[in-house]
Amino acid sequence: MRLEVKVPQLSESVAEATLLSWNLKPGEPVKQGQNLIDIETDKVMMELPAPQGGVLVEILREAGSAVKSGEPIAIIDTEGKATAVAPPETAVVATTTAATPAAQAAPGSLPAMPSAAKMMSEHGIDPAAVDGSGRGGRITKTDVLAYIAPPQTTPVQPAVPQVQPALVAGRSDNRVPMTRLRARVAERLVESQQGTATLTTFNEVNMQPVMDLRKRYGERFEKDHGVKLGFMGFFVKAACAALKKFPVVNASVDGNDIVYHNYCDIGIAVAAPRGLVVPIIRDADQLSIAEIEKTIADFGVRARENRLGMDDLSGGTFSISNGGVFGSMLSTPIINPPQSAILGIHATKERPVVENGQVVVRPMNYLALSYDHRIIDGREAVLTLVAIKDALEDPARLLLDL
């Protein structure tokens, strides 16, 4: 029986996806659940497993094609027999026997798709030099193409040729296409800048009380909950408490309407191999700090392994960006539409501050709240940030709902 393999259902916010490299050729056998091809959207990269076993008899859409939900891209004959000379694994081994020693080590040293391994062998590329963007760091054909893309050389014509000619000799540029994720991020950032009236307000918070709690209860917390007690759990809880006091900061604009959300779905910016992603903690206001920390830890692992799904990245009413993990001291985060505000947190550093007329040293963190001035007035924005500051400097407020 001839069975059509179709693009899985994409989320409503994703119009199309891009096919990466096929793992099989027409005529080769396929097992049920075997990954046929990786599909990249502007949010995630996912595998397309074979719905049934049989033989891949036809590829309808080539690698690099833009596809939509439900579109047929291949045909499997569930009763057919293989006609190919060898499966991909054998073909890779046969190809690598004539390759350089570095390429021969590819299958055993770093995970790579068959087509990527073959291409590295043909070009004598050391797999260790190629950054893999596939699941678990696997090297895809797209990664190899990006590595070997020939430079686009543009001759430089100095205004005065006789002056410093050595500075321009041998210069070149490398041009590579944006990934779908990077292109979408760029589009969203420009959309945010052009579609919102963005302002940013700043404050500083003394992190000593939170640090004292972590020092006092951190070991027991990890033992009881199986996750470390970090800072983000406190920031998320403090943000949720502030959003309840000032619900317009948790709202969004829809045409001429303001949509107030009676829940807190908090987006947490996470760095992934393919770029920045913002998975969502659903109903964060209803979760304990332990549950929030577990969720964030899980996001981090799945982001590094490219295992975040579309549901993980869709929605959100408010976001938190932590530039402090990279050493940022101060920044103005960009709002993630259709949200109306985002909290930026930064590196905690010891600084001299004045308390009760005395100069003392405290671990201070600068906070930044960017907000859409179309619906959020300066008063609400400033008071929201003050509420977050107060909750962090007196964590008991989070327990007493004050």
Protein backbone atom coordinates (compact mmCIF):
# COMPACT_ATOMS: atom_id res chain seq x y z
CA MET A 1 0.00 0.00 0.00
CA ARG A 2 1.32 3.44 -0.94
CA LEU A 3 1.23 5.74 2.09
CA GLU A 4 1.72 9.49 1.90
CA VAL A 5 4.08 11.04 4.45
CA LYS A 6 2.81 14.50 5.34
CA VAL A 7 4.19 17.51 7.17
CA PRO A 8 2.89 17.39 10.76
CA GLN A 9 0.48 20.00 12.01
CA LEU A 10 2.28 23.26 12.70
CA SER A 11 1.10 25.77 15.28
CA GLU A 12 -1.29 28.55 14.24
CA SER A 13 1.49 31.13 14.40
CA VAL A 14 3.75 29.15 12.04
CA ALA A 15 2.85 29.55 8.38
CA GLU A 16 5.46 27.22 6.91
CA ALA A 17 8.55 25.18 7.63
CA THR A 18 11.75 24.21 5.81
CA LEU A 19 12.83 20.67 4.98
CA LEU A 20 16.47 20.02 5.90
CA SER A 21 18.26 16.90 4.59
CA TRP A 22 16.63 13.55 3.83
CA ASN A 23 18.10 10.64 5.77
CA LEU A 24 17.04 8.04 3.16
CA LYS A 25 17.00 7.73 -0.61
CA PRO A 26 14.16 6.37 -2.75
CA GLY A 27 14.30 2.58 -2.80
CA GLU A 28 15.75 2.23 0.69
CA PRO A 29 13.96 0.39 3.51
CA VAL A 30 12.44 2.38 6.35
CA LYS A 31 11.34 1.29 9.80
CA GLN A 32 8.29 2.63 11.59
CA GLY A 33 9.32 5.58 13.75
CA GLN A 34 12.62 6.09 11.91
CA ASN A 35 13.46 9.75 11.35
CA LEU A 36 12.99 10.54 7.66
CA ILE A 37 13.96 14.20 7.72
CA ASP A 38 14.39 17.13 10.12
CA ILE A 39 11.94 20.00 9.67
CA GLU A 40 12.84 23.51 10.78
CA THR A 41 10.26 26.15 11.67
CA ASP A 42 10.86 29.66 12.94
CA LYS A 43 10.52 28.29 16.47
CA VAL A 44 11.81 24.72 16.64
CA MET A 45 13.49 21.94 14.70
CA MET A 46 11.68 18.62 14.82
CA GLU A 47 12.08 15.13 13.43
CA LEU A 48 9.53 13.53 11.10
CA PRO A 49 9.20 9.83 12.00
CA ALA A 50 7.96 7.29 9.46
CA PRO A 51 4.29 6.51 10.20
CA GLN A 52 4.80 2.89 9.03
CA GLY A 53 7.60 0.63 7.89
CA GLY A 54 8.24 -0.33 4.30
CA VAL A 55 10.22 1.22 1.46
CA LEU A 56 10.65 4.89 0.67
CA VAL A 57 9.61 4.85 -2.98
CA GLU A 58 9.38 8.56 -3.75
CA ILE A 59 10.47 11.94 -2.38
CA LEU A 60 7.95 14.61 -3.38
CA ARG A 61 9.71 17.65 -1.92
CA GLU A 62 13.46 18.11 -1.95
CA ALA A 63 15.61 19.31 0.94
CA GLY A 64 15.46 23.07 1.32
CA SER A 65 11.82 23.29 0.22
CA ALA A 66 9.33 25.44 2.12
CA VAL A 67 6.31 23.35 3.14
CA LYS A 68 3.03 23.80 4.99
CA SER A 69 1.02 21.71 7.46
CA GLY A 70 -0.41 18.53 5.96
CA GLU A 71 1.53 18.81 2.69
CA PRO A 72 2.66 15.41 1.27
CA ILE A 73 6.43 15.22 0.99
CA ALA A 74 7.16 11.51 0.43
CA ILE A 75 5.55 8.14 -0.28
CA ILE A 76 6.21 4.87 1.54
CA ASP A 77 5.21 1.50 0.08
CA THR A 78 4.32 -0.51 3.16
CA GLU A 79 4.57 -3.78 1.22
CA GLY A 80 7.50 -2.93 -1.03
CA LYS A 81 11.00 -4.35 -1.13
CA ALA A 82 14.21 -2.36 -0.99
CA THR A 83 15.93 -1.71 -4.30
CA ALA A 84 18.80 0.52 -3.15
CA VAL A 85 22.32 -0.92 -3.10
CA ALA A 86 22.82 -0.23 0.58
CA PRO A 87 21.15 1.64 3.46
CA PRO A 88 22.56 5.05 4.45
CA GLU A 89 24.78 3.63 7.18
CA THR A 90 26.56 1.29 4.75
CA ALA A 91 26.87 4.01 2.15
CA VAL A 92 28.54 6.29 4.66
CA VAL A 93 31.08 3.65 5.64
CA ALA A 94 31.87 2.86 2.00
CA THR A 95 32.40 6.53 1.25
CA THR A 96 34.59 7.23 4.22
CA THR A 97 37.09 4.48 3.40
CA ALA A 98 38.61 6.72 0.75
CA ALA A 99 38.43 9.88 2.82
CA THR A 100 40.96 11.57 5.01
CA PRO A 101 41.64 10.17 8.50
CA ALA A 102 39.72 13.05 10.08
CA ALA A 103 36.66 12.33 7.99
CA GLN A 104 36.89 8.59 8.69
CA ALA A 105 36.46 9.29 12.38
CA ALA A 106 33.21 11.17 11.84
CA PRO A 107 30.65 8.42 12.53
CA GLY A 108 32.33 7.34 15.74
CA SER A 109 33.37 10.69 17.16
CA LEU A 110 30.44 13.01 16.55
CA PRO A 111 26.80 12.21 15.67
CA ALA A 112 26.00 13.16 12.10
CA MET A 113 23.19 12.56 9.67
CA PRO A 114 24.20 10.16 6.85
CA SER A 115 24.08 12.88 4.20
CA ALA A 116 26.18 15.18 6.41
CA ALA A 117 28.75 12.45 7.10
CA LYS A 118 29.03 11.71 3.38
CA MET A 119 29.52 15.36 2.51
CA MET A 120 32.20 15.78 5.20
CA SER A 121 33.97 12.72 3.84
CA GLU A 122 33.87 14.04 0.28
CA HIS A 123 35.36 17.37 1.33
CA GLY A 124 37.80 16.00 3.88
CA ILE A 125 36.23 17.97 6.73
CA ASP A 126 37.02 17.21 10.35
CA PRO A 127 33.61 16.71 12.06
CA ALA A 128 35.00 18.34 15.21
CA ALA A 129 35.21 21.61 13.28
CA VAL A 130 31.50 21.64 12.41
CA ASP A 131 28.92 22.90 14.91
CA GLY A 132 25.90 20.59 14.91
CA SER A 133 22.46 22.16 15.18
CA GLY A 134 20.48 18.91 15.13
CA ARG A 135 19.02 17.11 18.10
CA GLY A 136 21.70 16.22 20.62
CA GLY A 137 24.28 18.22 18.68
CA ARG A 138 23.92 16.05 15.60
CA ILE A 139 25.51 17.49 12.47
CA THR A 140 23.08 18.13 9.62
CA LYS A 141 23.71 18.69 5.94
CA THR A 142 22.79 22.35 6.46
CA ASP A 143 25.58 22.65 9.06
CA VAL A 144 28.12 21.24 6.61
CA LEU A 145 26.91 23.50 3.80
CA ALA A 146 27.28 26.52 6.08
CA TYR A 147 30.82 25.40 6.95
CA ILE A 148 31.99 24.94 3.37
CA ALA A 149 30.06 27.84 1.82
CA PRO A 150 32.51 29.62 -0.49
CA PRO A 151 33.29 33.21 0.53
CA GLN A 152 31.70 36.01 -1.43
CA THR A 153 34.72 38.13 -2.19
CA THR A 154 34.20 41.80 -2.84
CA PRO A 155 37.26 43.64 -4.13
CA VAL A 156 38.12 46.65 -2.05
CA GLN A 157 39.05 49.79 -3.96
CA PRO A 158 40.80 52.21 -1.63
CA ALA A 159 40.27 55.89 -2.29
CA VAL A 160 44.05 56.39 -2.29
CA PRO A 161 45.64 53.14 -3.59
CA GLN A 162 49.16 54.09 -2.56
CA VAL A 163 48.19 54.48 1.14
CA GLN A 164 48.41 51.36 3.32
CA PRO A 165 47.73 48.79 0.54
CA ALA A 166 48.61 45.92 2.87
CA LEU A 167 45.55 46.60 5.02
CA VAL A 168 43.09 45.61 2.27
CA ALA A 169 44.98 42.78 0.58
CA GLY A 170 43.36 39.36 0.78
CA ARG A 171 40.20 40.48 2.59
CA SER A 172 36.92 38.67 1.93
CA ASP A 173 33.39 38.25 3.26
CA ASN A 174 31.50 35.08 4.02
CA ARG A 175 27.80 35.17 3.17
CA VAL A 176 25.49 32.53 4.66
CA PRO A 177 21.69 32.52 4.72
CA MET A 178 19.87 33.14 7.98
CA THR A 179 18.25 30.12 9.55
CA ARG A 180 14.49 30.27 9.67
CA LEU A 181 14.69 30.84 13.43
CA ARG A 182 17.14 33.74 13.11
CA ALA A 183 15.08 35.31 10.32
CA ARG A 184 11.94 35.07 12.45
CA VAL A 185 13.71 36.57 15.48
CA ALA A 186 14.88 39.47 13.32
CA GLU A 187 11.37 39.98 11.99
CA ARG A 188 9.87 39.95 15.48
CA LEU A 189 12.40 42.42 16.85
CA VAL A 190 11.72 44.90 14.06
CA GLU A 191 7.99 44.36 14.53
CA SER A 192 8.35 45.13 18.23
CA GLN A 193 10.32 48.32 17.63
CA GLN A 194 7.91 49.58 14.97
CA GLY A 195 4.64 48.41 16.53
CA THR A 196 5.03 49.48 20.16
CA ALA A 197 5.70 52.73 21.99
CA THR A 198 8.53 51.30 24.07
CA LEU A 199 9.94 52.95 27.16
CA THR A 200 12.19 51.46 29.84
CA THR A 201 12.29 52.18 33.56
CA PHE A 202 15.12 51.09 35.86
CA ASN A 203 15.64 50.25 39.51
CA GLU A 204 18.10 48.39 41.69
CA VAL A 205 17.52 45.58 44.14
CA ASN A 206 19.53 44.32 47.08
CA MET A 207 19.83 40.57 46.53
CA GLN A 208 21.21 39.84 50.01
CA PRO A 209 17.92 38.49 51.46
CA VAL A 210 17.49 36.07 48.56
CA MET A 211 21.13 35.02 48.79
CA ASP A 212 20.73 34.40 52.51
CA LEU A 213 17.73 32.15 51.85
CA ARG A 214 19.63 30.21 49.22
CA LYS A 215 22.58 29.76 51.57
CA ARG A 216 20.37 28.66 54.44
CA TYR A 217 18.03 26.32 52.59
CA GLY A 218 19.79 25.56 49.28
CA GLU A 219 21.19 22.16 50.25
CA ARG A 220 17.95 20.94 51.78
CA PHE A 221 15.94 22.35 48.87
CA GLU A 222 18.01 20.39 46.35
CA LYS A 223 17.78 17.23 48.42
CA ASP A 224 13.99 17.44 48.76
CA HIS A 225 13.14 18.67 45.24
CA GLY A 226 15.96 17.34 43.09
CA VAL A 227 16.81 20.74 41.64
CA LYS A 228 19.03 23.63 42.75
CA LEU A 229 17.50 26.71 44.32
CA GLY A 230 18.38 29.42 41.84
CA PHE A 231 17.53 33.09 41.47
CA MET A 232 15.01 32.75 38.64
CA GLY A 233 12.36 31.13 40.81
CA PHE A 234 12.32 34.24 43.02
CA PHE A 235 12.25 36.59 40.03
CA VAL A 236 9.34 34.72 38.47
CA LYS A 237 7.33 34.69 41.71
CA ALA A 238 8.09 38.38 42.35
CA ALA A 239 7.01 39.26 38.80
CA CYS A 240 3.74 37.31 39.16
CA ALA A 241 2.97 39.09 42.44
CA ALA A 242 3.58 42.47 40.79
CA LEU A 243 1.46 41.59 37.73
CA LYS A 244 -1.49 40.77 39.98
CA LYS A 245 -1.24 44.24 41.50
CA PHE A 246 -0.93 45.94 38.11
CA PRO A 247 -2.78 43.70 35.62
CA VAL A 248 -2.37 46.12 32.70
CA VAL A 249 1.33 45.17 32.62
CA ASN A 250 0.20 41.58 32.01
CA ALA A 251 -2.24 42.65 29.27
CA SER A 252 -1.91 42.87 25.48
CA VAL A 253 -3.24 45.06 22.68
CA ASP A 254 -5.68 43.60 20.15
CA GLY A 255 -6.73 46.29 17.69
CA ASN A 256 -8.52 48.91 19.77
CA ASP A 257 -9.02 46.52 22.68
CA ILE A 258 -6.92 45.79 25.73
CA VAL A 259 -6.95 42.09 26.60
CA TYR A 260 -6.43 41.48 30.32
CA HIS A 261 -5.10 38.01 31.08
CA ASN A 262 -6.30 36.44 34.32
CA TYR A 263 -3.27 34.17 34.44
CA CYS A 264 0.51 34.56 34.31
CA ASP A 265 2.24 32.68 31.50
CA ILE A 266 5.85 33.79 31.90
CA GLY A 267 8.33 33.49 29.04
CA ILE A 268 11.92 32.78 30.05
CA ALA A 269 14.59 33.67 27.49
CA VAL A 270 16.93 30.69 26.99
CA ALA A 271 20.06 30.51 24.82
CA ALA A 272 19.95 27.51 22.47
CA PRO A 273 22.46 26.33 19.82
CA ARG A 274 20.22 27.70 17.07
CA GLY A 275 19.57 31.04 18.77
CA LEU A 276 17.48 32.62 21.49
CA VAL A 277 14.19 30.90 22.35
CA VAL A 278 11.54 31.86 24.91
CA PRO A 279 9.71 28.85 26.37
CA ILE A 280 6.64 29.58 28.49
CA ILE A 281 6.01 28.68 32.14
CA ARG A 282 2.24 28.17 32.17
CA ASP A 283 0.26 29.45 35.18
CA ALA A 284 3.48 30.48 36.88
CA ASP A 285 1.49 32.32 39.55
CA GLN A 286 0.05 28.98 40.66
CA LEU A 287 3.40 27.20 40.91
CA SER A 288 5.78 26.92 43.83
CA ILE A 289 9.37 28.07 43.53
CA ALA A 290 10.43 24.41 43.36
CA GLU A 291 8.05 23.74 40.46
CA ILE A 292 9.29 26.84 38.65
CA GLU A 293 12.95 25.85 39.09
CA LYS A 294 12.22 22.34 37.77
CA THR A 295 10.45 23.76 34.74
CA ILE A 296 13.30 26.16 33.96
CA ALA A 297 15.90 23.40 34.32
CA ASP A 298 13.90 21.20 31.95
CA PHE A 299 13.65 24.05 29.42
CA GLY A 300 17.41 24.51 29.52
CA VAL A 301 18.12 20.85 28.81
CA ARG A 302 15.58 20.58 26.00
CA ALA A 303 16.71 23.85 24.45
CA ARG A 304 20.31 22.62 24.22
CA GLU A 305 19.09 19.37 22.64
CA ASN A 306 16.65 21.13 20.27
CA ARG A 307 13.72 19.25 21.85
CA LEU A 308 11.44 22.19 22.64
CA GLY A 309 8.06 21.80 20.96
CA MET A 310 5.85 24.46 19.47
CA ASP A 311 3.52 24.36 22.45
CA ASP A 312 6.46 25.22 24.71
CA LEU A 313 7.14 28.41 22.74
CA SER A 314 3.63 29.65 21.97
CA GLY A 315 1.73 32.26 23.94
CA GLY A 316 3.00 34.04 27.02
CA THR A 317 1.74 37.17 28.77
CA PHE A 318 5.03 38.54 30.18
CA SER A 319 8.72 37.74 29.66
CA ILE A 320 11.93 37.75 31.69
CA SER A 321 15.36 38.08 30.09
CA ASN A 322 18.44 37.28 32.17
CA GLY A 323 21.45 38.94 30.58
CA GLY A 324 23.26 38.60 33.87
CA VAL A 325 24.26 35.00 33.10
CA PHE A 326 26.48 36.42 30.35
CA GLY A 327 27.82 39.25 32.51
CA SER A 328 25.50 42.06 31.39
CA MET A 329 25.35 44.96 33.85
CA LEU A 330 22.51 46.94 32.27
CA SER A 331 20.36 46.65 29.15
CA THR A 332 16.98 47.63 27.71
CA PRO A 333 15.14 44.43 26.77
CA ILE A 334 12.86 44.41 23.72
CA ILE A 335 9.18 43.57 24.20
CA ASN A 336 7.98 40.26 22.73
CA PRO A 337 4.67 41.08 20.93
CA PRO A 338 1.81 40.74 21.60
CA GLN A 339 3.04 41.07 25.18
CA SER A 340 3.25 44.57 26.60
CA ALA A 341 6.21 44.34 28.96
CA ILE A 342 9.43 42.47 29.67
CA LEU A 343 11.70 42.37 32.71
CA GLY A 344 15.46 42.44 32.23
CA ILE A 345 17.67 41.22 35.07
CA HIS A 346 21.44 41.51 35.18
CA ALA A 347 24.59 40.40 36.94
CA THR A 348 24.58 40.70 40.72
CA LYS A 349 27.68 42.60 41.87
CA GLU A 350 28.83 43.96 45.20
CA ARG A 351 28.52 47.75 45.24
CA PRO A 352 28.69 50.47 47.87
CA VAL A 353 25.23 51.70 48.88
CA VAL A 354 23.94 54.01 51.60
CA GLU A 355 21.79 52.50 54.35
CA ASN A 356 20.73 54.56 57.36
CA GLY A 357 23.35 57.17 56.55
CA GLN A 358 26.17 54.61 56.37
CA VAL A 359 28.02 53.36 53.28
CA VAL A 360 27.85 49.56 53.15
CA VAL A 361 28.60 46.92 50.54
CA ARG A 362 25.64 44.95 49.19
CA PRO A 363 25.11 42.49 46.29
CA MET A 364 23.10 44.70 43.93
CA ASN A 365 21.24 43.88 40.73
CA TYR A 366 19.96 46.43 38.23
CA LEU A 367 16.44 45.76 36.98
CA ALA A 368 14.97 47.08 33.73
CA LEU A 369 11.30 46.99 32.74
CA SER A 370 10.52 47.79 29.10
CA TYR A 371 6.84 48.48 28.53
CA ASP A 372 4.40 49.52 25.80
CA HIS A 373 3.41 53.09 26.62
CA ARG A 374 0.28 52.76 24.48
CA ILE A 375 -1.51 51.01 27.34
CA ILE A 376 0.90 51.19 30.29
CA ASP A 377 1.50 54.56 31.91
CA GLY A 378 4.77 55.43 33.58
CA ARG A 379 3.14 55.21 37.01
CA GLU A 380 2.10 51.56 36.55
CA ALA A 381 5.47 50.64 35.06
CA VAL A 382 7.47 52.22 37.88
CA LEU A 383 5.24 50.78 40.60
CA THR A 384 5.44 47.33 39.00
CA LEU A 385 9.22 47.43 39.15
CA VAL A 386 9.11 48.73 42.74
CA ALA A 387 6.79 45.83 43.67
CA ILE A 388 9.27 43.36 42.18
CA LYS A 389 12.11 45.05 44.08
CA ASP A 390 10.19 45.00 47.37
CA ALA A 391 9.33 41.29 47.00
CA LEU A 392 12.95 40.35 46.35
CA GLU A 393 14.29 42.43 49.23
CA ASP A 394 11.70 40.91 51.58
CA PRO A 395 10.89 37.41 50.22
CA ALA A 396 8.36 36.81 53.01
CA ARG A 397 6.01 39.03 50.98
CA LEU A 398 5.78 36.24 48.40
CA LEU A 399 4.52 33.83 51.07
CA LEU A 400 2.11 36.30 52.63
CA ASP A 401 0.86 37.72 49.29
CA LEU A 402 1.77 41.28 50.30
